[in-house]
Amino acid sequence: MGVTMDGTKHQRRGDTRQRIQDVALELFAEQGYEKTSLREIAEHLGVTKAALYYHFKTKEEIIVSLFEDLTRPVEELIEWGKAQPRTLETKQEIVRRYSRSLTAAAPLFRFMQENQATVRELRIGDTFKDRMHRLRDIVMDPDAELIDQVRCLSALFTLHAGMFVMQDLEGDPEKKRAAVLEVAVDLVTQAHESAHRPSAAPEDGS
């Protein structure tokens, strides 16, 4: 079971492997990664430790598998975006799809935020940083002015901040997510329109 951006819990459907991932992530969030043992995970699942070993030998394997599974849509989005024309519509659609991917993987990203030392040791952080750079390169024009580069980066970080900050604000969760997305799309739109604004015609000096 995982925790969404608004603090509610949801159960991912799936097989035993996914149940192990969900329960492990919940325990990591409740009592900390270091304090959670494989035995506790097995007990919460109602299975033997041997049955757990069939799927995962270590806690590290569980976290890495979660990262690979829950961030796969981001990798697919990057590949899709690279094949599209660098239009405003493409950039806006990338931001929308990335927002959906983050929402689906919110429990994992919360774990990464709260356990940065563990994330660095497992090199998950490096992989995620690489994906962020590639995503940035798709929504940002190569010759963009500095202010437009900042706008594009801010659009992505706005979506990230929405997972952690917006839960402290009152209001309907869907409306909060929509507000965060609107701001992110607006930033990318401003950057694109600024980069593609026609230059002023030179004055006739004759």
N, C-alpha and C. Protein backbone atom coordinates (compact mmCIF):
# COMPACT_ATOMS: atom_id res chain seq x y z
N MET A 1 0.85 -1.20 0.00
CA MET A 1 0.00 0.00 0.00
C MET A 1 0.87 1.23 0.00
N GLY A 2 0.51 2.26 -0.77
CA GLY A 2 1.31 3.45 -0.86
C GLY A 2 0.52 4.67 -0.43
N VAL A 3 1.23 5.81 -0.34
CA VAL A 3 0.61 7.06 0.09
C VAL A 3 0.66 8.04 -1.07
N THR A 4 -0.48 8.61 -1.40
CA THR A 4 -0.56 9.54 -2.52
C THR A 4 -0.20 10.94 -2.06
N MET A 5 -0.18 11.91 -3.01
CA MET A 5 0.23 13.26 -2.71
C MET A 5 -0.64 13.90 -1.65
N ASP A 6 -1.91 13.53 -1.58
CA ASP A 6 -2.82 14.16 -0.62
C ASP A 6 -2.85 13.40 0.70
N GLY A 7 -2.00 12.38 0.84
CA GLY A 7 -1.93 11.67 2.11
C GLY A 7 -2.82 10.45 2.20
N THR A 8 -3.66 10.20 1.22
CA THR A 8 -4.51 9.03 1.25
C THR A 8 -3.72 7.81 0.81
N LYS A 9 -4.21 6.62 1.13
CA LYS A 9 -3.50 5.40 0.78
C LYS A 9 -4.20 4.67 -0.35
N HIS A 10 -3.38 3.98 -1.14
CA HIS A 10 -3.95 3.20 -2.23
C HIS A 10 -3.19 1.90 -2.34
N GLN A 11 -3.84 0.87 -2.81
CA GLN A 11 -3.23 -0.45 -2.98
C GLN A 11 -3.03 -0.72 -4.45
N ARG A 12 -1.79 -0.93 -4.85
CA ARG A 12 -1.55 -1.28 -6.24
C ARG A 12 -1.99 -2.71 -6.46
N ARG A 13 -2.69 -2.93 -7.54
CA ARG A 13 -3.09 -4.28 -7.88
C ARG A 13 -1.92 -5.03 -8.50
N GLY A 14 -1.87 -6.32 -8.26
CA GLY A 14 -0.80 -7.07 -8.88
C GLY A 14 -0.51 -8.36 -8.16
N ASP A 15 0.63 -8.96 -8.46
CA ASP A 15 0.99 -10.25 -7.93
C ASP A 15 1.74 -10.11 -6.61
N THR A 16 2.31 -11.22 -6.15
CA THR A 16 3.01 -11.24 -4.87
C THR A 16 4.18 -10.26 -4.87
N ARG A 17 4.90 -10.19 -5.99
CA ARG A 17 6.03 -9.28 -6.08
C ARG A 17 5.62 -7.84 -5.80
N GLN A 18 4.51 -7.42 -6.37
CA GLN A 18 4.03 -6.06 -6.14
C GLN A 18 3.55 -5.87 -4.70
N ARG A 19 2.93 -6.90 -4.13
CA ARG A 19 2.50 -6.82 -2.73
C ARG A 19 3.70 -6.63 -1.82
N ILE A 20 4.78 -7.33 -2.10
CA ILE A 20 6.00 -7.18 -1.31
C ILE A 20 6.51 -5.75 -1.42
N GLN A 21 6.55 -5.21 -2.63
CA GLN A 21 7.01 -3.85 -2.85
C GLN A 21 6.16 -2.85 -2.07
N ASP A 22 4.84 -3.01 -2.15
CA ASP A 22 3.92 -2.07 -1.48
C ASP A 22 4.09 -2.09 0.03
N VAL A 23 4.12 -3.30 0.60
CA VAL A 23 4.24 -3.43 2.06
C VAL A 23 5.60 -2.92 2.52
N ALA A 24 6.65 -3.25 1.79
CA ALA A 24 7.99 -2.79 2.16
C ALA A 24 8.06 -1.27 2.16
N LEU A 25 7.52 -0.65 1.12
CA LEU A 25 7.57 0.81 1.01
C LEU A 25 6.78 1.46 2.14
N GLU A 26 5.67 0.86 2.50
CA GLU A 26 4.87 1.38 3.61
C GLU A 26 5.64 1.30 4.92
N LEU A 27 6.30 0.18 5.16
CA LEU A 27 7.08 0.01 6.40
C LEU A 27 8.28 0.95 6.41
N PHE A 28 8.93 1.11 5.26
CA PHE A 28 10.07 2.02 5.19
C PHE A 28 9.62 3.44 5.55
N ALA A 29 8.44 3.82 5.08
CA ALA A 29 7.93 5.16 5.35
C ALA A 29 7.55 5.33 6.81
N GLU A 30 6.99 4.28 7.42
CA GLU A 30 6.50 4.37 8.79
C GLU A 30 7.61 4.32 9.84
N GLN A 31 8.59 3.45 9.64
CA GLN A 31 9.60 3.26 10.69
C GLN A 31 11.04 3.44 10.22
N GLY A 32 11.22 3.79 8.97
CA GLY A 32 12.56 4.03 8.46
C GLY A 32 13.13 2.82 7.74
N TYR A 33 13.94 3.10 6.73
CA TYR A 33 14.52 2.03 5.92
C TYR A 33 15.45 1.15 6.75
N GLU A 34 16.34 1.76 7.51
CA GLU A 34 17.33 1.00 8.27
C GLU A 34 16.70 0.14 9.35
N LYS A 35 15.59 0.59 9.92
CA LYS A 35 14.97 -0.13 11.04
C LYS A 35 14.02 -1.24 10.58
N THR A 36 13.80 -1.34 9.30
CA THR A 36 12.88 -2.35 8.76
C THR A 36 13.68 -3.57 8.28
N SER A 37 13.27 -4.75 8.71
CA SER A 37 13.95 -5.98 8.31
C SER A 37 13.11 -6.77 7.32
N LEU A 38 13.76 -7.67 6.62
CA LEU A 38 13.03 -8.55 5.71
C LEU A 38 12.04 -9.42 6.47
N ARG A 39 12.40 -9.79 7.68
CA ARG A 39 11.50 -10.61 8.49
C ARG A 39 10.20 -9.87 8.77
N GLU A 40 10.30 -8.57 9.10
CA GLU A 40 9.09 -7.77 9.36
C GLU A 40 8.22 -7.67 8.11
N ILE A 41 8.88 -7.49 6.99
CA ILE A 41 8.13 -7.41 5.73
C ILE A 41 7.37 -8.70 5.50
N ALA A 42 8.03 -9.84 5.72
CA ALA A 42 7.40 -11.14 5.53
C ALA A 42 6.23 -11.32 6.49
N GLU A 43 6.41 -10.89 7.74
CA GLU A 43 5.34 -11.03 8.74
C GLU A 43 4.12 -10.21 8.36
N HIS A 44 4.32 -9.00 7.87
CA HIS A 44 3.20 -8.16 7.47
C HIS A 44 2.48 -8.74 6.25
N LEU A 45 3.21 -9.46 5.44
CA LEU A 45 2.60 -10.09 4.26
C LEU A 45 1.93 -11.40 4.61
N GLY A 46 2.30 -11.98 5.77
CA GLY A 46 1.76 -13.28 6.14
C GLY A 46 2.40 -14.42 5.37
N VAL A 47 3.68 -14.24 5.01
CA VAL A 47 4.41 -15.28 4.28
C VAL A 47 5.69 -15.60 5.04
N THR A 48 6.34 -16.69 4.67
CA THR A 48 7.60 -17.05 5.29
C THR A 48 8.73 -16.22 4.70
N LYS A 49 9.84 -16.15 5.44
CA LYS A 49 10.98 -15.42 4.94
C LYS A 49 11.52 -16.08 3.67
N ALA A 50 11.40 -17.40 3.62
CA ALA A 50 11.86 -18.13 2.43
C ALA A 50 11.03 -17.75 1.20
N ALA A 51 9.73 -17.56 1.42
CA ALA A 51 8.86 -17.16 0.30
C ALA A 51 9.24 -15.77 -0.19
N LEU A 52 9.62 -14.90 0.75
CA LEU A 52 10.05 -13.55 0.38
C LEU A 52 11.36 -13.60 -0.41
N TYR A 53 12.27 -14.48 0.03
CA TYR A 53 13.55 -14.64 -0.65
C TYR A 53 13.39 -15.09 -2.10
N TYR A 54 12.32 -15.74 -2.39
CA TYR A 54 12.08 -16.20 -3.76
C TYR A 54 12.03 -15.02 -4.72
N HIS A 55 11.52 -13.89 -4.21
CA HIS A 55 11.37 -12.69 -5.04
C HIS A 55 12.50 -11.70 -4.82
N PHE A 56 12.89 -11.49 -3.56
CA PHE A 56 13.93 -10.51 -3.23
C PHE A 56 14.84 -11.05 -2.14
N LYS A 57 16.15 -10.90 -2.35
CA LYS A 57 17.12 -11.38 -1.37
C LYS A 57 17.46 -10.32 -0.34
N THR A 58 17.31 -9.04 -0.71
CA THR A 58 17.67 -7.94 0.19
C THR A 58 16.67 -6.80 0.08
N LYS A 59 16.74 -5.89 1.05
CA LYS A 59 15.90 -4.69 0.99
C LYS A 59 16.30 -3.83 -0.20
N GLU A 60 17.60 -3.82 -0.49
CA GLU A 60 18.09 -3.03 -1.61
C GLU A 60 17.44 -3.47 -2.92
N GLU A 61 17.28 -4.78 -3.08
CA GLU A 61 16.65 -5.29 -4.29
C GLU A 61 15.21 -4.81 -4.40
N ILE A 62 14.53 -4.71 -3.27
CA ILE A 62 13.14 -4.25 -3.28
C ILE A 62 13.06 -2.80 -3.74
N ILE A 63 13.91 -1.94 -3.18
CA ILE A 63 13.88 -0.52 -3.53
C ILE A 63 14.27 -0.31 -4.99
N VAL A 64 15.31 -0.99 -5.44
CA VAL A 64 15.74 -0.84 -6.83
C VAL A 64 14.64 -1.29 -7.78
N SER A 65 13.97 -2.40 -7.44
CA SER A 65 12.89 -2.90 -8.30
C SER A 65 11.72 -1.92 -8.32
N LEU A 66 11.43 -1.31 -7.17
CA LEU A 66 10.37 -0.30 -7.11
C LEU A 66 10.71 0.88 -7.99
N PHE A 67 11.94 1.32 -7.91
CA PHE A 67 12.38 2.45 -8.72
C PHE A 67 12.24 2.13 -10.20
N GLU A 68 12.71 0.95 -10.59
CA GLU A 68 12.65 0.56 -12.00
C GLU A 68 11.21 0.44 -12.48
N ASP A 69 10.34 -0.14 -11.65
CA ASP A 69 8.94 -0.34 -12.06
C ASP A 69 8.17 0.97 -12.13
N LEU A 70 8.30 1.79 -11.07
CA LEU A 70 7.48 3.00 -10.97
C LEU A 70 8.00 4.16 -11.82
N THR A 71 9.26 4.10 -12.22
CA THR A 71 9.78 5.19 -13.07
C THR A 71 9.88 4.78 -14.53
N ARG A 72 9.47 3.56 -14.85
CA ARG A 72 9.50 3.13 -16.26
C ARG A 72 8.67 4.06 -17.15
N PRO A 73 7.49 4.53 -16.70
CA PRO A 73 6.73 5.46 -17.53
C PRO A 73 7.50 6.74 -17.86
N VAL A 74 8.40 7.16 -16.96
CA VAL A 74 9.19 8.35 -17.23
C VAL A 74 10.17 8.07 -18.37
N GLU A 75 10.81 6.90 -18.34
CA GLU A 75 11.72 6.51 -19.41
C GLU A 75 10.98 6.42 -20.74
N GLU A 76 9.78 5.85 -20.71
CA GLU A 76 8.98 5.74 -21.92
C GLU A 76 8.57 7.12 -22.43
N LEU A 77 8.28 8.03 -21.50
CA LEU A 77 7.92 9.39 -21.88
C LEU A 77 9.08 10.10 -22.57
N ILE A 78 10.29 9.90 -22.05
CA ILE A 78 11.46 10.51 -22.65
C ILE A 78 11.65 10.01 -24.08
N GLU A 79 11.53 8.71 -24.28
CA GLU A 79 11.68 8.14 -25.63
C GLU A 79 10.61 8.66 -26.56
N TRP A 80 9.39 8.80 -26.04
CA TRP A 80 8.29 9.35 -26.86
C TRP A 80 8.59 10.80 -27.22
N GLY A 81 9.02 11.57 -26.25
CA GLY A 81 9.28 12.98 -26.48
C GLY A 81 10.40 13.22 -27.48
N LYS A 82 11.43 12.38 -27.45
CA LYS A 82 12.56 12.53 -28.39
C LYS A 82 12.12 12.31 -29.83
N ALA A 83 11.05 11.55 -30.02
CA ALA A 83 10.59 11.24 -31.38
C ALA A 83 9.58 12.26 -31.90
N GLN A 84 9.20 13.23 -31.06
CA GLN A 84 8.19 14.21 -31.45
C GLN A 84 8.85 15.51 -31.91
N PRO A 85 8.13 16.30 -32.72
CA PRO A 85 8.64 17.62 -33.10
C PRO A 85 8.70 18.50 -31.87
N ARG A 86 9.67 19.40 -31.81
CA ARG A 86 9.85 20.25 -30.63
C ARG A 86 8.86 21.43 -30.69
N THR A 87 7.58 21.10 -30.60
CA THR A 87 6.54 22.11 -30.65
C THR A 87 6.04 22.41 -29.24
N LEU A 88 5.27 23.50 -29.13
CA LEU A 88 4.69 23.85 -27.83
C LEU A 88 3.75 22.75 -27.36
N GLU A 89 2.98 22.19 -28.30
CA GLU A 89 2.03 21.13 -27.94
C GLU A 89 2.75 19.91 -27.37
N THR A 90 3.89 19.56 -27.96
CA THR A 90 4.68 18.43 -27.46
C THR A 90 5.17 18.70 -26.04
N LYS A 91 5.70 19.88 -25.82
CA LYS A 91 6.23 20.23 -24.50
C LYS A 91 5.12 20.23 -23.44
N GLN A 92 3.97 20.76 -23.80
CA GLN A 92 2.86 20.78 -22.85
C GLN A 92 2.39 19.37 -22.53
N GLU A 93 2.36 18.50 -23.54
CA GLU A 93 1.93 17.13 -23.33
C GLU A 93 2.94 16.36 -22.47
N ILE A 94 4.22 16.65 -22.64
CA ILE A 94 5.23 16.01 -21.81
C ILE A 94 5.04 16.39 -20.35
N VAL A 95 4.76 17.65 -20.09
CA VAL A 95 4.53 18.10 -18.71
C VAL A 95 3.30 17.41 -18.13
N ARG A 96 2.23 17.29 -18.91
CA ARG A 96 1.01 16.63 -18.42
C ARG A 96 1.28 15.16 -18.10
N ARG A 97 1.97 14.47 -19.01
CA ARG A 97 2.24 13.05 -18.80
C ARG A 97 3.20 12.84 -17.64
N TYR A 98 4.17 13.74 -17.50
CA TYR A 98 5.10 13.61 -16.38
C TYR A 98 4.38 13.81 -15.06
N SER A 99 3.42 14.71 -15.04
CA SER A 99 2.63 14.93 -13.83
C SER A 99 1.90 13.65 -13.43
N ARG A 100 1.32 12.95 -14.41
CA ARG A 100 0.62 11.70 -14.12
C ARG A 100 1.58 10.64 -13.61
N SER A 101 2.79 10.59 -14.19
CA SER A 101 3.78 9.61 -13.77
C SER A 101 4.21 9.85 -12.33
N LEU A 102 4.40 11.12 -11.98
CA LEU A 102 4.81 11.46 -10.62
C LEU A 102 3.73 11.11 -9.61
N THR A 103 2.49 11.37 -9.97
CA THR A 103 1.38 11.06 -9.07
C THR A 103 1.31 9.57 -8.80
N ALA A 104 1.49 8.77 -9.84
CA ALA A 104 1.43 7.31 -9.68
C ALA A 104 2.58 6.79 -8.83
N ALA A 105 3.73 7.48 -8.87
CA ALA A 105 4.91 7.01 -8.14
C ALA A 105 5.19 7.86 -6.90
N ALA A 106 4.19 8.60 -6.42
CA ALA A 106 4.39 9.51 -5.29
C ALA A 106 5.01 8.85 -4.06
N PRO A 107 4.56 7.64 -3.65
CA PRO A 107 5.18 7.02 -2.46
C PRO A 107 6.67 6.79 -2.62
N LEU A 108 7.10 6.39 -3.80
CA LEU A 108 8.51 6.15 -4.05
C LEU A 108 9.30 7.45 -3.96
N PHE A 109 8.80 8.51 -4.58
CA PHE A 109 9.53 9.78 -4.56
C PHE A 109 9.57 10.37 -3.15
N ARG A 110 8.55 10.10 -2.35
CA ARG A 110 8.59 10.54 -0.96
C ARG A 110 9.68 9.79 -0.20
N PHE A 111 9.80 8.50 -0.48
CA PHE A 111 10.88 7.72 0.13
C PHE A 111 12.24 8.28 -0.28
N MET A 112 12.41 8.59 -1.56
CA MET A 112 13.68 9.11 -2.06
C MET A 112 14.02 10.44 -1.40
N GLN A 113 13.00 11.27 -1.18
CA GLN A 113 13.21 12.57 -0.56
C GLN A 113 13.65 12.42 0.89
N GLU A 114 13.07 11.47 1.60
CA GLU A 114 13.31 11.31 3.03
C GLU A 114 14.49 10.39 3.34
N ASN A 115 15.02 9.69 2.34
CA ASN A 115 16.12 8.75 2.56
C ASN A 115 17.21 8.99 1.52
N GLN A 116 17.68 10.22 1.45
CA GLN A 116 18.61 10.61 0.40
C GLN A 116 19.95 9.87 0.50
N ALA A 117 20.40 9.58 1.72
CA ALA A 117 21.67 8.86 1.87
C ALA A 117 21.57 7.46 1.28
N THR A 118 20.46 6.78 1.57
CA THR A 118 20.25 5.44 1.03
C THR A 118 20.14 5.49 -0.49
N VAL A 119 19.44 6.48 -0.98
CA VAL A 119 19.27 6.63 -2.43
C VAL A 119 20.62 6.81 -3.12
N ARG A 120 21.50 7.60 -2.50
CA ARG A 120 22.83 7.81 -3.08
C ARG A 120 23.64 6.52 -3.09
N GLU A 121 23.56 5.76 -2.01
CA GLU A 121 24.30 4.51 -1.92
C GLU A 121 23.85 3.51 -2.98
N LEU A 122 22.57 3.50 -3.29
CA LEU A 122 22.04 2.56 -4.27
C LEU A 122 22.13 3.10 -5.68
N ARG A 123 22.64 4.32 -5.84
CA ARG A 123 22.82 4.96 -7.14
C ARG A 123 21.49 5.19 -7.86
N ILE A 124 20.39 5.08 -7.13
CA ILE A 124 19.09 5.42 -7.73
C ILE A 124 19.06 6.90 -8.08
N GLY A 125 19.66 7.70 -7.19
CA GLY A 125 19.67 9.14 -7.41
C GLY A 125 20.34 9.53 -8.71
N ASP A 126 21.46 8.87 -9.04
CA ASP A 126 22.17 9.19 -10.28
C ASP A 126 21.31 8.87 -11.50
N THR A 127 20.62 7.73 -11.44
CA THR A 127 19.76 7.34 -12.55
C THR A 127 18.62 8.33 -12.72
N PHE A 128 18.03 8.74 -11.60
CA PHE A 128 16.92 9.69 -11.67
C PHE A 128 17.40 11.04 -12.18
N LYS A 129 18.58 11.47 -11.72
CA LYS A 129 19.12 12.75 -12.18
C LYS A 129 19.36 12.73 -13.68
N ASP A 130 19.86 11.60 -14.19
CA ASP A 130 20.09 11.47 -15.63
C ASP A 130 18.77 11.59 -16.40
N ARG A 131 17.72 10.96 -15.89
CA ARG A 131 16.43 11.06 -16.56
C ARG A 131 15.89 12.47 -16.53
N MET A 132 16.10 13.16 -15.41
CA MET A 132 15.66 14.55 -15.31
C MET A 132 16.38 15.42 -16.34
N HIS A 133 17.67 15.18 -16.52
CA HIS A 133 18.42 15.96 -17.50
C HIS A 133 17.91 15.72 -18.91
N ARG A 134 17.60 14.47 -19.23
CA ARG A 134 17.11 14.15 -20.57
C ARG A 134 15.71 14.71 -20.79
N LEU A 135 14.90 14.72 -19.74
CA LEU A 135 13.57 15.30 -19.84
C LEU A 135 13.67 16.81 -20.03
N ARG A 136 14.58 17.41 -19.29
CA ARG A 136 14.81 18.86 -19.43
C ARG A 136 15.22 19.22 -20.85
N ASP A 137 16.08 18.40 -21.44
CA ASP A 137 16.58 18.70 -22.78
C ASP A 137 15.47 18.63 -23.84
N ILE A 138 14.39 17.93 -23.53
CA ILE A 138 13.29 17.84 -24.49
C ILE A 138 12.38 19.07 -24.40
N VAL A 139 12.13 19.53 -23.19
CA VAL A 139 11.21 20.67 -23.04
C VAL A 139 11.92 22.02 -23.18
N MET A 140 13.24 22.00 -23.19
CA MET A 140 13.99 23.25 -23.28
C MET A 140 14.70 23.35 -24.62
N ASP A 141 14.54 24.47 -25.31
CA ASP A 141 15.21 24.68 -26.58
C ASP A 141 16.72 24.80 -26.36
N PRO A 142 17.52 24.23 -27.25
CA PRO A 142 18.98 24.23 -27.09
C PRO A 142 19.59 25.62 -26.93
N ASP A 143 19.05 26.61 -27.65
CA ASP A 143 19.61 27.96 -27.61
C ASP A 143 18.76 28.91 -26.77
N ALA A 144 18.02 28.36 -25.82
CA ALA A 144 17.13 29.18 -24.99
C ALA A 144 17.92 30.15 -24.13
N GLU A 145 17.36 31.34 -23.92
CA GLU A 145 17.96 32.31 -23.02
C GLU A 145 17.93 31.76 -21.59
N LEU A 146 18.78 32.30 -20.75
CA LEU A 146 18.89 31.80 -19.37
C LEU A 146 17.54 31.83 -18.65
N ILE A 147 16.79 32.91 -18.81
CA ILE A 147 15.51 33.01 -18.11
C ILE A 147 14.54 31.91 -18.56
N ASP A 148 14.62 31.53 -19.84
CA ASP A 148 13.74 30.48 -20.35
C ASP A 148 14.22 29.09 -19.91
N GLN A 149 15.53 28.94 -19.75
CA GLN A 149 16.05 27.70 -19.18
C GLN A 149 15.53 27.53 -17.75
N VAL A 150 15.54 28.62 -17.00
CA VAL A 150 15.05 28.58 -15.62
C VAL A 150 13.57 28.25 -15.60
N ARG A 151 12.82 28.81 -16.53
CA ARG A 151 11.39 28.53 -16.59
C ARG A 151 11.12 27.04 -16.82
N CYS A 152 11.88 26.43 -17.74
CA CYS A 152 11.67 25.01 -18.03
C CYS A 152 12.03 24.14 -16.84
N LEU A 153 13.16 24.45 -16.20
CA LEU A 153 13.55 23.70 -15.02
C LEU A 153 12.54 23.89 -13.90
N SER A 154 12.06 25.12 -13.75
CA SER A 154 11.07 25.41 -12.70
C SER A 154 9.77 24.66 -12.94
N ALA A 155 9.42 24.44 -14.20
CA ALA A 155 8.20 23.69 -14.51
C ALA A 155 8.29 22.27 -13.96
N LEU A 156 9.44 21.62 -14.17
CA LEU A 156 9.63 20.26 -13.67
C LEU A 156 9.68 20.22 -12.15
N PHE A 157 10.40 21.19 -11.56
CA PHE A 157 10.51 21.22 -10.10
C PHE A 157 9.18 21.58 -9.44
N THR A 158 8.36 22.34 -10.15
CA THR A 158 7.03 22.66 -9.63
C THR A 158 6.21 21.39 -9.45
N LEU A 159 6.30 20.49 -10.43
CA LEU A 159 5.58 19.21 -10.32
C LEU A 159 6.11 18.39 -9.15
N HIS A 160 7.42 18.41 -8.94
CA HIS A 160 8.01 17.67 -7.82
C HIS A 160 7.56 18.27 -6.49
N ALA A 161 7.62 19.59 -6.40
CA ALA A 161 7.24 20.26 -5.16
C ALA A 161 5.78 19.99 -4.82
N GLY A 162 4.97 19.84 -5.86
CA GLY A 162 3.55 19.58 -5.63
C GLY A 162 3.29 18.32 -4.84
N MET A 163 4.18 17.33 -4.95
CA MET A 163 3.99 16.08 -4.23
C MET A 163 4.21 16.24 -2.73
N PHE A 164 5.08 17.18 -2.34
CA PHE A 164 5.46 17.31 -0.94
C PHE A 164 4.86 18.52 -0.25
N VAL A 165 4.73 19.62 -0.98
CA VAL A 165 4.27 20.86 -0.37
C VAL A 165 2.75 21.00 -0.38
N MET A 166 2.12 20.62 -1.50
CA MET A 166 0.70 20.85 -1.65
C MET A 166 -0.15 20.07 -0.66
N GLN A 167 0.37 18.96 -0.12
CA GLN A 167 -0.42 18.19 0.83
C GLN A 167 -0.65 18.97 2.13
N ASP A 168 0.15 20.00 2.39
CA ASP A 168 -0.02 20.81 3.59
C ASP A 168 -1.05 21.93 3.40
N LEU A 169 -1.49 22.13 2.16
CA LEU A 169 -2.47 23.16 1.89
C LEU A 169 -3.87 22.56 1.88
N GLU A 170 -4.83 23.33 2.35
CA GLU A 170 -6.21 22.87 2.35
C GLU A 170 -6.77 22.88 0.93
N GLY A 171 -7.74 22.01 0.70
CA GLY A 171 -8.37 21.98 -0.61
C GLY A 171 -8.49 20.58 -1.16
N ASP A 172 -9.28 20.45 -2.20
CA ASP A 172 -9.48 19.16 -2.85
C ASP A 172 -8.18 18.70 -3.52
N PRO A 173 -7.77 17.45 -3.31
CA PRO A 173 -6.51 16.95 -3.88
C PRO A 173 -6.44 17.10 -5.39
N GLU A 174 -7.54 16.81 -6.09
CA GLU A 174 -7.52 16.91 -7.55
C GLU A 174 -7.36 18.36 -7.99
N LYS A 175 -8.00 19.27 -7.27
CA LYS A 175 -7.87 20.69 -7.63
C LYS A 175 -6.45 21.17 -7.37
N LYS A 176 -5.82 20.67 -6.32
CA LYS A 176 -4.44 21.06 -6.04
C LYS A 176 -3.50 20.54 -7.12
N ARG A 177 -3.72 19.30 -7.53
CA ARG A 177 -2.88 18.74 -8.58
C ARG A 177 -3.08 19.52 -9.88
N ALA A 178 -4.33 19.88 -10.17
CA ALA A 178 -4.62 20.64 -11.39
C ALA A 178 -3.95 22.01 -11.34
N ALA A 179 -3.92 22.63 -10.16
CA ALA A 179 -3.30 23.95 -10.02
C ALA A 179 -1.79 23.86 -10.24
N VAL A 180 -1.17 22.82 -9.67
CA VAL A 180 0.27 22.62 -9.86
C VAL A 180 0.58 22.40 -11.34
N LEU A 181 -0.21 21.57 -11.99
CA LEU A 181 0.00 21.28 -13.41
C LEU A 181 -0.17 22.54 -14.25
N GLU A 182 -1.17 23.35 -13.93
CA GLU A 182 -1.42 24.57 -14.70
C GLU A 182 -0.22 25.50 -14.63
N VAL A 183 0.37 25.63 -13.44
CA VAL A 183 1.55 26.50 -13.29
C VAL A 183 2.72 25.95 -14.10
N ALA A 184 2.93 24.63 -14.05
CA ALA A 184 4.03 24.01 -14.79
C ALA A 184 3.87 24.19 -16.30
N VAL A 185 2.66 23.97 -16.79
CA VAL A 185 2.39 24.14 -18.23
C VAL A 185 2.59 25.60 -18.62
N ASP A 186 2.17 26.51 -17.77
CA ASP A 186 2.30 27.93 -18.08
C ASP A 186 3.78 28.33 -18.18
N LEU A 187 4.63 27.77 -17.32
CA LEU A 187 6.06 28.08 -17.36
C LEU A 187 6.70 27.60 -18.66
N VAL A 188 6.36 26.38 -19.07
CA VAL A 188 6.89 25.84 -20.32
C VAL A 188 6.38 26.65 -21.51
N THR A 189 5.12 27.07 -21.44
CA THR A 189 4.54 27.88 -22.52
C THR A 189 5.25 29.22 -22.64
N GLN A 190 5.49 29.86 -21.51
CA GLN A 190 6.20 31.14 -21.53
C GLN A 190 7.59 30.99 -22.13
N ALA A 191 8.29 29.92 -21.74
CA ALA A 191 9.64 29.69 -22.24
C ALA A 191 9.64 29.47 -23.75
N HIS A 192 8.69 28.69 -24.22
CA HIS A 192 8.62 28.39 -25.65
C HIS A 192 8.27 29.65 -26.45
N GLU A 193 7.28 30.38 -25.99
CA GLU A 193 6.85 31.58 -26.73
C GLU A 193 7.94 32.64 -26.74
N SER A 194 8.69 32.71 -25.63
CA SER A 194 9.79 33.68 -25.58
C SER A 194 10.90 33.30 -26.56
N ALA A 195 11.21 32.00 -26.62
CA ALA A 195 12.28 31.53 -27.51
C ALA A 195 11.90 31.64 -28.98
N HIS A 196 10.61 31.58 -29.28
CA HIS A 196 10.17 31.59 -30.68
C HIS A 196 9.51 32.91 -31.08
N ARG A 197 9.68 33.91 -30.25
CA ARG A 197 9.12 35.22 -30.57
C ARG A 197 9.92 35.85 -31.71
N PRO A 198 9.26 36.35 -32.73
CA PRO A 198 9.99 36.95 -33.86
C PRO A 198 10.86 38.11 -33.40
N SER A 199 12.08 38.17 -33.91
CA SER A 199 12.98 39.27 -33.56
C SER A 199 12.49 40.55 -34.21
N ALA A 200 12.77 41.65 -33.53
CA ALA A 200 12.37 42.95 -34.08
C ALA A 200 13.15 43.22 -35.37
N ALA A 201 12.48 43.75 -36.36
CA ALA A 201 13.13 44.07 -37.65
C ALA A 201 14.16 45.18 -37.45
N PRO A 202 15.34 45.05 -38.05
CA PRO A 202 16.36 46.09 -37.89
C PRO A 202 15.90 47.41 -38.49
N GLU A 203 16.29 48.51 -37.87
CA GLU A 203 15.88 49.80 -38.38
C GLU A 203 16.66 50.14 -39.65
N ASP A 204 16.00 50.85 -40.55
CA ASP A 204 16.63 51.25 -41.80
C ASP A 204 17.53 52.46 -41.56
N GLY A 205 18.82 52.23 -41.67
CA GLY A 205 19.74 53.33 -41.38
C GLY A 205 20.03 54.22 -42.57
N SER A 206 19.37 53.97 -43.70
CA SER A 206 19.66 54.79 -44.89
C SER A 206 19.02 56.15 -44.78
